PDB file of N, CA and C in Angstrom:
ATOM      1  N   UNK A   1     128.312 113.683 102.683  1.00  0.00           N
ATOM      2  CA  UNK A   1     127.326 113.568 101.408  1.00  0.00           C
ATOM      3  C   UNK A   1     126.021 113.762 101.462  1.00  0.00           C
ATOM      4  N   UNK A   2     125.394 114.640 100.784  1.00  0.00           N
ATOM      5  CA  UNK A   2     123.872 115.197 100.984  1.00  0.00           C
ATOM      6  C   UNK A   2     123.127 114.215 100.954  1.00  0.00           C
ATOM      7  N   UNK A   3     121.743 113.361 101.877  1.00  0.00           N
ATOM      8  CA  UNK A   3     120.862 112.937 101.608  1.00  0.00           C
ATOM      9  C   UNK A   3     119.783 113.184 100.199  1.00  0.00           C
ATOM     10  N   UNK A   4     119.323 112.299  99.332  1.00  0.00           N
ATOM     11  CA  UNK A   4     118.814 112.897  98.945  1.00  0.00           C
ATOM     12  C   UNK A   4     117.181 113.143  99.083  1.00  0.00           C
ATOM     13  N   UNK A   5     116.936 114.005  98.326  1.00  0.00           N
ATOM     14  CA  UNK A   5     115.400 114.435  98.557  1.00  0.00           C
ATOM     15  C   UNK A   5     114.300 113.811  98.487  1.00  0.00           C
ATOM     16  N   UNK A   6     113.092 113.689  98.517  1.00  0.00           N
ATOM     17  CA  UNK A   6     111.985 112.721  98.542  1.00  0.00           C
ATOM     18  C   UNK A   6     111.439 114.317  97.406  1.00  0.00           C
ATOM     19  N   UNK A   7     111.280 113.135  96.245  1.00  0.00           N
ATOM     20  CA  UNK A   7     110.079 114.220  95.579  1.00  0.00           C
ATOM     21  C   UNK A   7     108.823 114.773  95.617  1.00  0.00           C
ATOM     22  N   UNK A   8     108.389 115.727  96.088  1.00  0.00           N
ATOM     23  CA  UNK A   8     107.386 115.939  96.343  1.00  0.00           C
ATOM     24  C   UNK A   8     105.808 115.529  95.744  1.00  0.00           C
ATOM     25  N   UNK A   9     106.012 115.529  94.167  1.00  0.00           N
ATOM     26  CA  UNK A   9     104.954 114.939  93.122  1.00  0.00           C
ATOM     27  C   UNK A   9     104.659 113.832  93.407  1.00  0.00           C
ATOM     28  N   UNK A  10     106.329 113.029  93.576  1.00  0.00           N
ATOM     29  CA  UNK A  10     105.511 111.730  93.344  1.00  0.00           C
ATOM     30  C   UNK A  10     105.499 111.061  94.906  1.00  0.00           C
ATOM     31  N   UNK A  11     105.757 111.771  95.581  1.00  0.00           N
ATOM     32  CA  UNK A  11     104.924 111.708  97.222  1.00  0.00           C
ATOM     33  C   UNK A  11     103.517 111.832  97.349  1.00  0.00           C
ATOM     34  N   UNK A  12     102.989 112.416  96.510  1.00  0.00           N
ATOM     35  CA  UNK A  12     101.537 112.623  96.227  1.00  0.00           C
ATOM     36  C   UNK A  12     100.691 112.189  95.945  1.00  0.00           C
ATOM     37  N   UNK A  13     101.179 111.096  94.868  1.00  0.00           N
ATOM     38  CA  UNK A  13     100.679 110.413  93.785  1.00  0.00           C
ATOM     39  C   UNK A  13     100.803 109.011  94.113  1.00  0.00           C
ATOM     40  N   UNK A  14     101.882 108.409  94.765  1.00  0.00           N
ATOM     41  CA  UNK A  14     102.278 106.912  94.462  1.00  0.00           C
ATOM     42  C   UNK A  14     102.041 107.109  96.118  1.00  0.00           C
ATOM     43  N   UNK A  15     101.838 105.627  96.731  1.00  0.00           N
ATOM     44  CA  UNK A  15     101.218 105.567  98.308  1.00  0.00           C
ATOM     45  C   UNK A  15     102.325 103.852  98.005  1.00  0.00           C
ATOM     46  N   UNK A  16     102.845 103.537  99.514  1.00  0.00           N
ATOM     47  CA  UNK A  16     103.616 102.467  99.221  1.00  0.00           C
ATOM     48  C   UNK A  16     102.641 101.883 100.219  1.00  0.00           C
ATOM     49  N   UNK A  17     102.654 100.457  99.826  1.00  0.00           N
ATOM     50  CA  UNK A  17     101.689  99.629 100.724  1.00  0.00           C
ATOM     51  C   UNK A  17     102.416  98.963 102.104  1.00  0.00           C
ATOM     52  N   UNK A  18     101.981  98.129 103.186  1.00  0.00           N
ATOM     53  CA  UNK A  18     102.790  97.547 103.753  1.00  0.00           C
ATOM     54  C   UNK A  18     103.600  96.921 103.561  1.00  0.00           C
ATOM     55  N   UNK A  19     103.434  95.622 102.429  1.00  0.00           N
ATOM     56  CA  UNK A  19     104.281  95.004 102.237  1.00  0.00           C
ATOM     57  C   UNK A  19     105.142  95.596 101.012  1.00  0.00           C
ATOM     58  N   UNK A  20     105.003  96.564 100.889  1.00  0.00           N
ATOM     59  CA  UNK A  20     106.139  97.392 100.146  1.00  0.00           C
ATOM     60  C   UNK A  20     105.855  97.700  98.759  1.00  0.00           C
ATOM     61  N   UNK A  21     104.417  97.540  98.559  1.00  0.00           N
ATOM     62  CA  UNK A  21     104.126  97.819  96.566  1.00  0.00           C
ATOM     63  C   UNK A  21     103.844  99.192  97.053  1.00  0.00           C
ATOM     64  N   UNK A  22     104.312  99.680  95.517  1.00  0.00           N
ATOM     65  CA  UNK A  22     103.825 100.930  95.313  1.00  0.00           C
ATOM     66  C   UNK A  22     102.791 101.052  94.132  1.00  0.00           C
ATOM     67  N   UNK A  23     101.884 101.891  95.013  1.00  0.00           N
ATOM     68  CA  UNK A  23     100.214 101.546  94.483  1.00  0.00           C
ATOM     69  C   UNK A  23     100.214 103.554  93.725  1.00  0.00           C
ATOM     70  N   UNK A  24      99.114 102.914  92.405  1.00  0.00           N
ATOM     71  CA  UNK A  24      98.982 104.199  92.246  1.00  0.00           C
ATOM     72  C   UNK A  24      97.717 104.659  91.159  1.00  0.00           C
ATOM     73  N   UNK A  25      96.859 105.914  91.254  1.00  0.00           N
ATOM     74  CA  UNK A  25      95.836 106.258  90.985  1.00  0.00           C
ATOM     75  C   UNK A  25      95.700 105.719  89.324  1.00  0.00           C
ATOM     76  N   UNK A  26      94.322 105.513  88.782  1.00  0.00           N
ATOM     77  CA  UNK A  26      93.790 104.774  87.412  1.00  0.00           C
ATOM     78  C   UNK A  26      93.724 106.355  86.034  1.00  0.00           C
ATOM     79  N   UNK A  27      94.500 106.204  85.270  1.00  0.00           N
ATOM     80  CA  UNK A  27      93.759 107.440  84.207  1.00  0.00           C
ATOM     81  C   UNK A  27      92.675 107.198  84.354  1.00  0.00           C
ATOM     82  N   UNK A  28      91.964 108.331  83.135  1.00  0.00           N
ATOM     83  CA  UNK A  28      90.443 108.121  82.834  1.00  0.00           C
ATOM     84  C   UNK A  28      89.674 108.532  83.447  1.00  0.00           C
ATOM     85  N   UNK A  29      90.064 108.909  84.641  1.00  0.00           N
ATOM     86  CA  UNK A  29      88.372 108.790  85.774  1.00  0.00           C
ATOM     87  C   UNK A  29      88.089 109.763  85.964  1.00  0.00           C
ATOM     88  N   UNK A  30      88.773 110.835  85.805  1.00  0.00           N
ATOM     89  CA  UNK A  30      88.001 112.082  86.469  1.00  0.00           C
ATOM     90  C   UNK A  30      86.821 113.088  86.047  1.00  0.00           C
ATOM     91  N   UNK A  31      86.256 112.981  84.363  1.00  0.00           N
ATOM     92  CA  UNK A  31      85.740 113.473  83.599  1.00  0.00           C
ATOM     93  C   UNK A  31      85.427 113.042  82.639  1.00  0.00           C
ATOM     94  N   UNK A  32      84.370 113.430  82.196  1.00  0.00           N
ATOM     95  CA  UNK A  32      83.904 112.836  80.875  1.00  0.00           C
ATOM     96  C   UNK A  32      82.998 111.092  81.688  1.00  0.00           C
ATOM     97  N   UNK A  33      82.466 110.981  82.404  1.00  0.00           N
ATOM     98  CA  UNK A  33      82.175 109.638  83.029  1.00  0.00           C
ATOM     99  C   UNK A  33      80.948 109.290  82.398  1.00  0.00           C
ATOM    100  N   UNK A  34      80.021 110.434  81.635  1.00  0.00           N
ATOM    101  CA  UNK A  34      78.625 109.556  80.976  1.00  0.00           C
ATOM    102  C   UNK A  34      78.795 108.519  80.305  1.00  0.00           C
ATOM    103  N   UNK A  35      79.951 108.639  79.648  1.00  0.00           N
ATOM    104  CA  UNK A  35      79.770 107.786  78.573  1.00  0.00           C
ATOM    105  C   UNK A  35      80.661 106.422  78.741  1.00  0.00           C
ATOM    106  N   UNK A  36      81.612 106.705  80.441  1.00  0.00           N
ATOM    107  CA  UNK A  36      81.717 105.061  80.553  1.00  0.00           C
ATOM    108  C   UNK A  36      81.098 104.495  80.730  1.00  0.00           C
ATOM    109  N   UNK A  37      81.213 103.311  80.662  1.00  0.00           N
ATOM    110  CA  UNK A  37      80.177 102.281  81.484  1.00  0.00           C
ATOM    111  C   UNK A  37      80.432 101.919  83.137  1.00  0.00           C
ATOM    112  N   UNK A  38      79.594 101.599  83.906  1.00  0.00           N
ATOM    113  CA  UNK A  38      79.374 101.316  85.301  1.00  0.00           C
ATOM    114  C   UNK A  38      80.504 100.609  86.161  1.00  0.00           C
ATOM    115  N   UNK A  39      80.925  99.533  85.274  1.00  0.00           N
ATOM    116  CA  UNK A  39      82.135  98.706  85.665  1.00  0.00           C
ATOM    117  C   UNK A  39      83.099  99.187  85.392  1.00  0.00           C
ATOM    118  N   UNK A  40      83.379  99.987  84.429  1.00  0.00           N
ATOM    119  CA  UNK A  40      85.084 100.491  83.999  1.00  0.00           C
ATOM    120  C   UNK A  40      85.180 101.993  84.726  1.00  0.00           C
ATOM    121  N   UNK A  41      84.036 102.889  85.355  1.00  0.00           N
ATOM    122  CA  UNK A  41      84.246 103.482  86.423  1.00  0.00           C
ATOM    123  C   UNK A  41      84.506 103.486  87.478  1.00  0.00           C
ATOM    124  N   UNK A  42      83.485 101.926  88.134  1.00  0.00           N
ATOM    125  CA  UNK A  42      83.951 100.703  89.235  1.00  0.00           C
ATOM    126  C   UNK A  42      85.708 100.861  89.376  1.00  0.00           C
ATOM    127  N   UNK A  43      86.205 100.406  88.323  1.00  0.00           N
ATOM    128  CA  UNK A  43      87.140  99.712  88.570  1.00  0.00           C
ATOM    129  C   UNK A  43      88.672 100.812  88.419  1.00  0.00           C
ATOM    130  N   UNK A  44      87.943 101.988  88.006  1.00  0.00           N
ATOM    131  CA  UNK A  44      88.751 103.325  88.281  1.00  0.00           C
ATOM    132  C   UNK A  44      88.582 104.127  90.078  1.00  0.00           C
ATOM    133  N   UNK A  45      88.154 103.633  91.052  1.00  0.00           N
ATOM    134  CA  UNK A  45      87.877 103.703  92.225  1.00  0.00           C
ATOM    135  C   UNK A  45      89.387 103.126  92.655  1.00  0.00           C
ATOM    136  N   UNK A  46      89.298 101.785  92.489  1.00  0.00           N
ATOM    137  CA  UNK A  46      90.782 101.193  93.029  1.00  0.00           C
ATOM    138  C   UNK A  46      92.262 101.440  92.952  1.00  0.00           C
ATOM    139  N   UNK A  47      93.155 101.841  93.527  1.00  0.00           N
ATOM    140  CA  UNK A  47      95.037 102.085  92.758  1.00  0.00           C
ATOM    141  C   UNK A  47      95.054 100.589  92.581  1.00  0.00           C
ATOM    142  N   UNK A  48      95.323 100.967  91.403  1.00  0.00           N
ATOM    143  CA  UNK A  48      96.503 100.137  90.883  1.00  0.00           C
ATOM    144  C   UNK A  48      97.746  99.567  90.983  1.00  0.00           C
ATOM    145  N   UNK A  49      98.959  98.836  90.672  1.00  0.00           N
ATOM    146  CA  UNK A  49     100.068  98.871  91.114  1.00  0.00           C
ATOM    147  C   UNK A  49     100.844  99.180  90.290  1.00  0.00           C
ATOM    148  N   UNK A  50     102.043  99.938  90.565  1.00  0.00           N
ATOM    149  CA  UNK A  50     102.804 100.613  89.382  1.00  0.00           C
ATOM    150  C   UNK A  50     103.417  99.402  88.660  1.00  0.00           C
ATOM    151  N   UNK A  51     103.995  99.201  87.326  1.00  0.00           N
ATOM    152  CA  UNK A  51     104.629  98.831  86.860  1.00  0.00           C
ATOM    153  C   UNK A  51     106.120  98.462  87.350  1.00  0.00           C
ATOM    154  N   UNK A  52     106.260  97.126  86.956  1.00  0.00           N
ATOM    155  CA  UNK A  52     107.511  96.527  87.835  1.00  0.00           C
ATOM    156  C   UNK A  52     108.928  97.606  86.857  1.00  0.00           C
ATOM    157  N   UNK A  53     108.647  97.943  86.141  1.00  0.00           N
ATOM    158  CA  UNK A  53     109.791  98.895  84.965  1.00  0.00           C
ATOM    159  C   UNK A  53     110.033  99.820  86.078  1.00  0.00           C
ATOM    160  N   UNK A  54     108.821 100.698  86.425  1.00  0.00           N
ATOM    161  CA  UNK A  54     109.062 101.991  86.566  1.00  0.00           C
ATOM    162  C   UNK A  54     109.828 102.125  88.311  1.00  0.00           C
ATOM    163  N   UNK A  55     109.136 100.751  89.034  1.00  0.00           N
ATOM    164  CA  UNK A  55     109.012 100.895  90.940  1.00  0.00           C
ATOM    165  C   UNK A  55     110.248 101.406  91.180  1.00  0.00           C
ATOM    166  N   UNK A  56     111.501 100.871  90.381  1.00  0.00           N
ATOM    167  CA  UNK A  56     112.981 101.096  90.953  1.00  0.00           C
ATOM    168  C   UNK A  56     113.310 102.617  90.895  1.00  0.00           C
ATOM    169  N   UNK A  57     113.198 102.838  89.650  1.00  0.00           N
ATOM    170  CA  UNK A  57     112.972 104.867  89.590  1.00  0.00           C
ATOM    171  C   UNK A  57     112.357 105.406  90.617  1.00  0.00           C
ATOM    172  N   UNK A  58     110.426 104.958  90.874  1.00  0.00           N
ATOM    173  CA  UNK A  58     110.009 105.673  91.672  1.00  0.00           C
ATOM    174  C   UNK A  58     110.302 105.309  93.205  1.00  0.00           C
ATOM    175  N   UNK A  59     110.996 104.412  93.585  1.00  0.00           N
ATOM    176  CA  UNK A  59     111.382 104.447  94.948  1.00  0.00           C
ATOM    177  C   UNK A  59     112.993 105.597  95.232  1.00  0.00           C
ATOM    178  N   UNK A  60     113.827 105.769  94.083  1.00  0.00           N
ATOM    179  CA  UNK A  60     114.391 106.411  94.105  1.00  0.00           C
ATOM    180  C   UNK A  60     114.189 108.085  94.824  1.00  0.00           C
ATOM    181  N   UNK A  61     112.798 108.148  94.047  1.00  0.00           N
ATOM    182  CA  UNK A  61     112.029 109.410  94.019  1.00  0.00           C
ATOM    183  C   UNK A  61     111.862 109.877  95.489  1.00  0.00           C
ATOM    184  N   UNK A  62     110.949 108.371  96.074  1.00  0.00           N
ATOM    185  CA  UNK A  62     110.463 109.023  97.016  1.00  0.00           C
ATOM    186  C   UNK A  62     111.484 108.745  98.475  1.00  0.00           C
ATOM    187  N   UNK A  63     112.701 108.076  97.896  1.00  0.00           N
ATOM    188  CA  UNK A  63     113.682 107.824  99.087  1.00  0.00           C
ATOM    189  C   UNK A  63     113.310 106.685  99.714  1.00  0.00           C
ATOM    190  N   UNK A  64     112.359 105.898  99.150  1.00  0.00           N
ATOM    191  CA  UNK A  64     111.673 104.489 100.062  1.00  0.00           C
ATOM    192  C   UNK A  64     112.802 103.154  99.211  1.00  0.00           C
TER     193      UNK A  64
END
């Protein structure tokens, strides 16, 4: 039986931490930043954990 291939789009967007958690980038942090507060813009810099409902599906795509 053939091996599952890694989904390259998912690989570029999702990072797996040392403990196995899946981290993603936050939405709305790329443009139109003048109207957003400094506190909100600062939060965009940090990665967010992937929702537990999505993690099993994404792990299959990553092959992890």
